[in-house]
């Protein structure tokens, strides 16, 4: 699936500029937005292939550590 920044932005209710800022590391998304983005890709079973946006979201919100704990059953 080839989504543009605009496609993703519409699906999570933000502007394309917001997605651009997250990708470039200029903005840290709210936890609500981070979960919305992750939820879209997780529900589409695309998590391994989404690349820069998901990595930026995980890294900038520390959700990566949380997901590891959830997977291990610690949360």
Protein backbone atom coordinates (compact mmCIF):
# COMPACT_ATOMS: atom_id res chain seq x y z
CA UNK A 1 0.00 0.00 0.00
CA UNK A 2 1.39 3.37 -0.96
CA UNK A 3 -0.01 6.14 1.18
CA UNK A 4 0.95 9.76 0.92
CA UNK A 5 1.44 11.94 3.96
CA UNK A 6 -1.93 13.46 3.08
CA UNK A 7 -3.60 10.02 3.13
CA UNK A 8 -2.25 9.26 6.59
CA UNK A 9 -3.06 12.75 7.86
CA UNK A 10 -6.70 12.42 6.79
CA UNK A 11 -7.03 9.05 8.48
CA UNK A 12 -5.77 10.36 11.83
CA UNK A 13 -7.36 13.81 11.63
CA UNK A 14 -4.30 16.04 11.31
CA UNK A 15 -2.65 18.04 8.55
CA UNK A 16 -0.03 16.79 6.13
CA UNK A 17 2.33 19.30 7.72
CA UNK A 18 1.90 17.55 11.07
CA UNK A 19 2.91 14.22 9.54
CA UNK A 20 5.89 15.88 7.86
CA UNK A 21 6.98 17.41 11.17
CA UNK A 22 6.75 14.04 12.94
CA UNK A 23 8.74 12.29 10.21
CA UNK A 24 11.47 14.91 10.34
CA UNK A 25 11.67 14.88 14.14
CA UNK A 26 10.56 18.51 14.43
CA UNK A 27 7.41 17.57 16.34
CA UNK A 28 6.62 15.02 19.00
CA UNK A 29 3.08 13.74 18.54
CA UNK A 30 0.67 13.60 21.44
CA UNK A 31 0.14 10.14 22.85
CA UNK A 32 -3.36 10.20 21.37
CA UNK A 33 -1.99 10.91 17.90
CA UNK A 34 0.81 8.38 18.32
CA UNK A 35 -1.70 5.69 19.25
CA UNK A 36 -3.97 6.68 16.34
CA UNK A 37 -1.10 6.31 13.88
CA UNK A 38 0.02 3.02 15.38
CA UNK A 39 -3.55 1.77 15.49
CA UNK A 40 -4.04 2.35 11.79
CA UNK A 41 -0.92 0.48 10.81
CA UNK A 42 -1.42 -2.27 13.36
CA UNK A 43 -5.00 -2.84 12.21
CA UNK A 44 -3.79 -3.10 8.64
CA UNK A 45 -1.04 -5.56 9.60
CA UNK A 46 1.52 -3.21 8.09
CA UNK A 47 3.54 -2.45 11.22
CA UNK A 48 6.75 -4.07 9.93
CA UNK A 49 6.67 -2.04 6.72
CA UNK A 50 5.58 1.46 7.64
CA UNK A 51 9.07 2.83 8.17
CA UNK A 52 9.93 6.34 9.17
CA UNK A 53 6.63 7.53 10.63
CA UNK A 54 6.16 4.63 13.02
CA UNK A 55 9.80 4.72 14.11
CA UNK A 56 9.55 8.45 14.76
CA UNK A 57 6.36 8.00 16.75
CA UNK A 58 7.74 5.14 18.80
CA UNK A 59 11.03 6.86 19.51
CA UNK A 60 9.67 10.31 20.26
CA UNK A 61 6.93 9.17 22.63
CA UNK A 62 8.78 6.33 24.34
CA UNK A 63 5.97 4.04 23.23
CA UNK A 64 8.54 1.53 22.02
CA UNK A 65 9.45 0.74 25.64
CA UNK A 66 5.78 0.51 26.57
CA UNK A 67 5.01 -1.87 23.69
CA UNK A 68 7.90 -4.12 24.77
CA UNK A 69 6.48 -4.26 28.30
CA UNK A 70 2.98 -4.97 27.01
CA UNK A 71 4.25 -7.77 24.80
CA UNK A 72 6.12 -9.27 27.75
CA UNK A 73 2.99 -8.97 29.91
CA UNK A 74 4.55 -6.46 32.29
CA UNK A 75 1.88 -3.76 31.75
